PDB file of N, CA and C in Angstrom:
ATOM      1  N   MET A   1       8.923   0.580  -4.229  1.00  0.00           N
ATOM      2  CA  MET A   1       8.138   1.698  -4.264  1.00  0.00           C
ATOM      3  C   MET A   1       7.592   2.343  -3.174  1.00  0.00           C
ATOM      4  N   LYS A   2       7.192   3.392  -2.865  1.00  0.00           N
ATOM      5  CA  LYS A   2       7.206   4.167  -1.802  1.00  0.00           C
ATOM      6  C   LYS A   2       6.147   5.040  -2.165  1.00  0.00           C
ATOM      7  N   LEU A   3       4.655   4.889  -1.219  1.00  0.00           N
ATOM      8  CA  LEU A   3       3.719   4.860  -1.747  1.00  0.00           C
ATOM      9  C   LEU A   3       3.009   5.870  -0.133  1.00  0.00           C
ATOM     10  N   LEU A   4       2.502   7.262  -0.689  1.00  0.00           N
ATOM     11  CA  LEU A   4       1.806   7.988   0.732  1.00  0.00           C
ATOM     12  C   LEU A   4      -0.045   7.840   0.948  1.00  0.00           C
ATOM     13  N   ILE A   5      -0.125   7.602   1.666  1.00  0.00           N
ATOM     14  CA  ILE A   5      -1.567   6.695   1.479  1.00  0.00           C
ATOM     15  C   ILE A   5      -2.152   7.739   2.744  1.00  0.00           C
ATOM     16  N   ILE A   6      -2.999   8.893   2.451  1.00  0.00           N
ATOM     17  CA  ILE A   6      -3.364   9.838   3.338  1.00  0.00           C
ATOM     18  C   ILE A   6      -4.892   9.575   4.093  1.00  0.00           C
ATOM     19  N   ASN A   7      -5.234   8.286   3.694  1.00  0.00           N
ATOM     20  CA  ASN A   7      -6.575   7.981   4.377  1.00  0.00           C
ATOM     21  C   ASN A   7      -6.293   6.652   5.216  1.00  0.00           C
ATOM     22  N   MET A   8      -4.763   6.252   5.478  1.00  0.00           N
ATOM     23  CA  MET A   8      -4.336   5.196   6.812  1.00  0.00           C
ATOM     24  C   MET A   8      -4.227   5.851   7.687  1.00  0.00           C
ATOM     25  N   ASN A   9      -5.081   5.623   8.483  1.00  0.00           N
ATOM     26  CA  ASN A   9      -5.179   5.991   9.657  1.00  0.00           C
ATOM     27  C   ASN A   9      -4.854   4.944  11.118  1.00  0.00           C
ATOM     28  N   CYS A  10      -5.279   4.042  10.515  1.00  0.00           N
ATOM     29  CA  CYS A  10      -4.708   3.125  12.069  1.00  0.00           C
ATOM     30  C   CYS A  10      -4.898   1.933  11.776  1.00  0.00           C
ATOM     31  N   GLY A  11      -4.339   0.554  12.523  1.00  0.00           N
ATOM     32  CA  GLY A  11      -3.798  -0.679  12.292  1.00  0.00           C
ATOM     33  C   GLY A  11      -5.160  -1.489  10.960  1.00  0.00           C
ATOM     34  N   GLY A  12      -6.152  -1.265  11.912  1.00  0.00           N
ATOM     35  CA  GLY A  12      -7.097  -1.699  10.841  1.00  0.00           C
ATOM     36  C   GLY A  12      -6.794  -1.529   9.102  1.00  0.00           C
ATOM     37  N   CYS A  13      -6.427  -0.243   8.956  1.00  0.00           N
ATOM     38  CA  CYS A  13      -6.545   0.438   7.759  1.00  0.00           C
ATOM     39  C   CYS A  13      -4.653  -0.422   7.083  1.00  0.00           C
ATOM     40  N   ALA A  14      -3.755  -0.194   8.131  1.00  0.00           N
ATOM     41  CA  ALA A  14      -2.641  -0.753   7.803  1.00  0.00           C
ATOM     42  C   ALA A  14      -3.074  -2.391   7.208  1.00  0.00           C
ATOM     43  N   ARG A  15      -3.486  -3.314   8.428  1.00  0.00           N
ATOM     44  CA  ARG A  15      -3.675  -4.244   7.733  1.00  0.00           C
ATOM     45  C   ARG A  15      -4.436  -4.729   6.150  1.00  0.00           C
ATOM     46  N   GLY A  16      -5.599  -3.583   6.199  1.00  0.00           N
ATOM     47  CA  GLY A  16      -5.818  -3.707   4.615  1.00  0.00           C
ATOM     48  C   GLY A  16      -5.360  -3.413   3.288  1.00  0.00           C
ATOM     49  N   VAL A  17      -4.536  -2.167   3.757  1.00  0.00           N
ATOM     50  CA  VAL A  17      -3.119  -1.951   2.538  1.00  0.00           C
ATOM     51  C   VAL A  17      -2.119  -3.139   2.668  1.00  0.00           C
ATOM     52  N   THR A  18      -2.100  -3.908   3.657  1.00  0.00           N
ATOM     53  CA  THR A  18      -0.984  -5.017   3.511  1.00  0.00           C
ATOM     54  C   THR A  18      -1.878  -6.089   2.424  1.00  0.00           C
ATOM     55  N   ALA A  19      -2.560  -5.996   2.599  1.00  0.00           N
ATOM     56  CA  ALA A  19      -3.640  -7.203   2.361  1.00  0.00           C
ATOM     57  C   ALA A  19      -4.145  -7.148   0.971  1.00  0.00           C
ATOM     58  N   THR A  20      -4.225  -5.795   0.394  1.00  0.00           N
ATOM     59  CA  THR A  20      -4.123  -5.169  -0.717  1.00  0.00           C
ATOM     60  C   THR A  20      -3.143  -5.668  -1.936  1.00  0.00           C
ATOM     61  N   ILE A  21      -2.114  -5.145  -1.117  1.00  0.00           N
ATOM     62  CA  ILE A  21      -0.577  -5.414  -1.810  1.00  0.00           C
ATOM     63  C   ILE A  21      -0.494  -7.152  -1.714  1.00  0.00           C
ATOM     64  N   HIS A  22      -0.395  -7.304  -0.783  1.00  0.00           N
ATOM     65  CA  HIS A  22      -0.480  -9.200  -1.381  1.00  0.00           C
ATOM     66  C   HIS A  22      -1.436  -9.956  -2.436  1.00  0.00           C
ATOM     67  N   ASP A  23      -2.360  -9.236  -2.628  1.00  0.00           N
ATOM     68  CA  ASP A  23      -3.605 -10.173  -3.200  1.00  0.00           C
ATOM     69  C   ASP A  23      -2.654  -9.324  -4.916  1.00  0.00           C
ATOM     70  N   ILE A  24      -2.166  -8.370  -4.975  1.00  0.00           N
ATOM     71  CA  ILE A  24      -1.037  -8.428  -6.478  1.00  0.00           C
ATOM     72  C   ILE A  24      -0.060  -8.818  -6.580  1.00  0.00           C
ATOM     73  N   ASP A  25       0.976  -9.636  -5.519  1.00  0.00           N
ATOM     74  CA  ASP A  25       2.192  -9.701  -4.972  1.00  0.00           C
ATOM     75  C   ASP A  25       2.021 -10.772  -3.772  1.00  0.00           C
ATOM     76  N   PRO A  26       1.802 -11.790  -3.817  1.00  0.00           N
ATOM     77  CA  PRO A  26       1.907 -12.715  -2.263  1.00  0.00           C
ATOM     78  C   PRO A  26       3.124 -12.362  -1.683  1.00  0.00           C
ATOM     79  N   ASN A  27       4.358 -12.502  -2.642  1.00  0.00           N
ATOM     80  CA  ASN A  27       5.607 -12.320  -1.790  1.00  0.00           C
ATOM     81  C   ASN A  27       6.174 -10.611  -2.151  1.00  0.00           C
ATOM     82  N   ALA A  28       5.583 -10.035  -1.991  1.00  0.00           N
ATOM     83  CA  ALA A  28       5.932  -8.549  -1.631  1.00  0.00           C
ATOM     84  C   ALA A  28       5.955  -8.282   0.128  1.00  0.00           C
ATOM     85  N   LYS A  29       7.473  -7.334   0.233  1.00  0.00           N
ATOM     86  CA  LYS A  29       7.739  -7.373   1.195  1.00  0.00           C
ATOM     87  C   LYS A  29       7.082  -5.491   1.603  1.00  0.00           C
ATOM     88  N   VAL A  30       6.539  -5.545   2.287  1.00  0.00           N
ATOM     89  CA  VAL A  30       5.633  -4.245   2.712  1.00  0.00           C
ATOM     90  C   VAL A  30       5.914  -3.665   4.394  1.00  0.00           C
ATOM     91  N   ASP A  31       6.298  -2.626   4.049  1.00  0.00           N
ATOM     92  CA  ASP A  31       6.384  -2.042   5.766  1.00  0.00           C
ATOM     93  C   ASP A  31       5.836  -0.598   5.271  1.00  0.00           C
ATOM     94  N   ILE A  32       5.584  -0.042   6.140  1.00  0.00           N
ATOM     95  CA  ILE A  32       4.441   0.405   7.014  1.00  0.00           C
ATOM     96  C   ILE A  32       4.956   1.214   7.982  1.00  0.00           C
ATOM     97  N   ASP A  33       5.347   3.013   8.109  1.00  0.00           N
ATOM     98  CA  ASP A  33       4.941   3.960   8.789  1.00  0.00           C
ATOM     99  C   ASP A  33       3.626   4.463   8.709  1.00  0.00           C
ATOM    100  N   LEU A  34       3.118   4.141  10.056  1.00  0.00           N
ATOM    101  CA  LEU A  34       1.716   4.833  10.369  1.00  0.00           C
ATOM    102  C   LEU A  34       1.464   6.056  10.486  1.00  0.00           C
ATOM    103  N   ALA A  35       2.063   6.762  10.833  1.00  0.00           N
ATOM    104  CA  ALA A  35       2.523   8.257  11.235  1.00  0.00           C
ATOM    105  C   ALA A  35       2.863   9.013  10.538  1.00  0.00           C
ATOM    106  N   ALA A  36       3.632   8.400   9.365  1.00  0.00           N
ATOM    107  CA  ALA A  36       3.894   9.366   8.246  1.00  0.00           C
ATOM    108  C   ALA A  36       3.204   9.029   7.398  1.00  0.00           C
ATOM    109  N   LYS A  37       2.397   8.237   7.272  1.00  0.00           N
ATOM    110  CA  LYS A  37       1.417   7.360   6.120  1.00  0.00           C
ATOM    111  C   LYS A  37       1.955   6.730   4.838  1.00  0.00           C
ATOM    112  N   VAL A  38       3.119   6.398   5.196  1.00  0.00           N
ATOM    113  CA  VAL A  38       3.697   5.826   3.926  1.00  0.00           C
ATOM    114  C   VAL A  38       4.247   4.256   3.853  1.00  0.00           C
ATOM    115  N   VAL A  39       3.668   3.694   2.537  1.00  0.00           N
ATOM    116  CA  VAL A  39       3.670   2.624   2.357  1.00  0.00           C
ATOM    117  C   VAL A  39       5.227   2.417   1.841  1.00  0.00           C
ATOM    118  N   ASN A  40       6.302   1.411   2.246  1.00  0.00           N
ATOM    119  CA  ASN A  40       7.372   1.025   1.520  1.00  0.00           C
ATOM    120  C   ASN A  40       7.102  -0.323   1.060  1.00  0.00           C
ATOM    121  N   ILE A  41       6.966  -0.303  -0.369  1.00  0.00           N
ATOM    122  CA  ILE A  41       6.772  -2.023  -0.750  1.00  0.00           C
ATOM    123  C   ILE A  41       7.910  -2.612  -2.071  1.00  0.00           C
ATOM    124  N   THR A  42       8.594  -3.385  -1.454  1.00  0.00           N
ATOM    125  CA  THR A  42       9.330  -4.361  -2.708  1.00  0.00           C
ATOM    126  C   THR A  42       8.327  -5.092  -3.336  1.00  0.00           C
ATOM    127  N   THR A  43       8.730  -5.359  -4.443  1.00  0.00           N
ATOM    128  CA  THR A  43       7.329  -6.075  -5.395  1.00  0.00           C
ATOM    129  C   THR A  43       7.644  -6.548  -6.560  1.00  0.00           C
ATOM    130  N   ILE A  44       7.799  -7.212  -7.793  1.00  0.00           N
ATOM    131  CA  ILE A  44       7.352  -7.122  -8.975  1.00  0.00           C
ATOM    132  C   ILE A  44       6.362  -7.032  -9.335  1.00  0.00           C
ATOM    133  N   ALA A  45       5.606  -6.428  -9.235  1.00  0.00           N
ATOM    134  CA  ALA A  45       4.233  -5.682  -9.552  1.00  0.00           C
ATOM    135  C   ALA A  45       4.789  -4.190  -9.720  1.00  0.00           C
ATOM    136  N   ASN A  46       4.361  -3.381 -11.159  1.00  0.00           N
ATOM    137  CA  ASN A  46       4.330  -2.672 -10.950  1.00  0.00           C
ATOM    138  C   ASN A  46       3.480  -0.901 -10.747  1.00  0.00           C
ATOM    139  N   VAL A  47       4.253  -0.122  -9.863  1.00  0.00           N
ATOM    140  CA  VAL A  47       3.359   1.127  -9.426  1.00  0.00           C
ATOM    141  C   VAL A  47       1.913   1.429  -9.949  1.00  0.00           C
ATOM    142  N   GLU A  48       1.730   0.973 -10.918  1.00  0.00           N
ATOM    143  CA  GLU A  48       0.323   1.111 -11.596  1.00  0.00           C
ATOM    144  C   GLU A  48      -0.619   0.203 -11.531  1.00  0.00           C
ATOM    145  N   GLN A  49      -0.111  -0.970 -10.933  1.00  0.00           N
ATOM    146  CA  GLN A  49      -0.841  -1.877 -10.640  1.00  0.00           C
ATOM    147  C   GLN A  49      -1.198  -2.425  -9.777  1.00  0.00           C
ATOM    148  N   MET A  50      -0.428  -1.340  -8.143  1.00  0.00           N
ATOM    149  CA  MET A  50      -0.356  -1.331  -6.688  1.00  0.00           C
ATOM    150  C   MET A  50      -1.233  -0.092  -7.193  1.00  0.00           C
ATOM    151  N   THR A  51      -1.313   0.864  -7.238  1.00  0.00           N
ATOM    152  CA  THR A  51      -1.906   2.122  -6.875  1.00  0.00           C
ATOM    153  C   THR A  51      -3.497   2.434  -7.712  1.00  0.00           C
ATOM    154  N   ALA A  52      -3.872   1.437  -8.909  1.00  0.00           N
ATOM    155  CA  ALA A  52      -4.964   1.019  -9.422  1.00  0.00           C
ATOM    156  C   ALA A  52      -5.735  -0.088  -8.030  1.00  0.00           C
ATOM    157  N   ALA A  53      -5.056  -0.938  -7.320  1.00  0.00           N
ATOM    158  CA  ALA A  53      -5.436  -2.034  -6.726  1.00  0.00           C
ATOM    159  C   ALA A  53      -5.878  -1.148  -5.088  1.00  0.00           C
ATOM    160  N   LEU A  54      -4.939  -0.453  -4.763  1.00  0.00           N
ATOM    161  CA  LEU A  54      -5.313   0.110  -3.342  1.00  0.00           C
ATOM    162  C   LEU A  54      -6.471   0.871  -3.644  1.00  0.00           C
ATOM    163  N   GLU A  55      -6.543   1.824  -4.752  1.00  0.00           N
ATOM    164  CA  GLU A  55      -7.582   2.991  -4.843  1.00  0.00           C
ATOM    165  C   GLU A  55      -8.828   2.082  -4.927  1.00  0.00           C
ATOM    166  N   LYS A  56      -8.909   1.059  -5.668  1.00  0.00           N
ATOM    167  CA  LYS A  56     -10.004   0.011  -5.526  1.00  0.00           C
ATOM    168  C   LYS A  56     -10.237  -0.688  -4.514  1.00  0.00           C
ATOM    169  N   GLY A  57      -9.302  -0.639  -3.471  1.00  0.00           N
ATOM    170  CA  GLY A  57      -9.863  -0.885  -2.173  1.00  0.00           C
ATOM    171  C   GLY A  57      -9.678   0.348  -0.952  1.00  0.00           C
ATOM    172  N   GLY A  58      -9.851   1.339  -1.327  1.00  0.00           N
ATOM    173  CA  GLY A  58     -10.391   2.337  -0.636  1.00  0.00           C
ATOM    174  C   GLY A  58      -9.313   3.219  -0.474  1.00  0.00           C
ATOM    175  N   PHE A  59      -7.695   2.799  -1.115  1.00  0.00           N
ATOM    176  CA  PHE A  59      -7.008   3.343   0.095  1.00  0.00           C
ATOM    177  C   PHE A  59      -6.001   4.425  -1.375  1.00  0.00           C
ATOM    178  N   PRO A  60      -6.809   5.363  -1.993  1.00  0.00           N
ATOM    179  CA  PRO A  60      -5.946   6.097  -2.920  1.00  0.00           C
ATOM    180  C   PRO A  60      -4.455   6.371  -2.156  1.00  0.00           C
ATOM    181  N   ALA A  61      -3.296   6.278  -3.460  1.00  0.00           N
ATOM    182  CA  ALA A  61      -2.019   6.621  -3.000  1.00  0.00           C
ATOM    183  C   ALA A  61      -1.316   7.508  -4.286  1.00  0.00           C
ATOM    184  N   GLN A  62      -0.656   8.072  -3.508  1.00  0.00           N
ATOM    185  CA  GLN A  62       0.566   8.915  -4.255  1.00  0.00           C
ATOM    186  C   GLN A  62       2.256   8.382  -4.106  1.00  0.00           C
ATOM    187  N   VAL A  63       2.486   8.019  -5.281  1.00  0.00           N
ATOM    188  CA  VAL A  63       4.163   7.716  -5.321  1.00  0.00           C
ATOM    189  C   VAL A  63       4.786   8.835  -5.023  1.00  0.00           C
ATOM    190  N   GLN A  64       5.982   8.420  -3.864  1.00  0.00           N
ATOM    191  CA  GLN A  64       6.807   9.489  -3.492  1.00  0.00           C
ATOM    192  C   GLN A  64       7.884   9.115  -3.863  1.00  0.00           C
TER     193      GLN A  64
END
């Protein structure tokens, strides 16, 4: 899945996003393009689980 996270602005944000994703699926593959504010995730979790967890963590995400 590909998500746009508008308020992901720095390396700390990217680490927080990655940690949140790995809380849901420890085996998820996460590829972050910080400049574009886009996260590509390969996971067994569904998009609703990911977006809910990210929003709870302070990183509201939009599906791309």
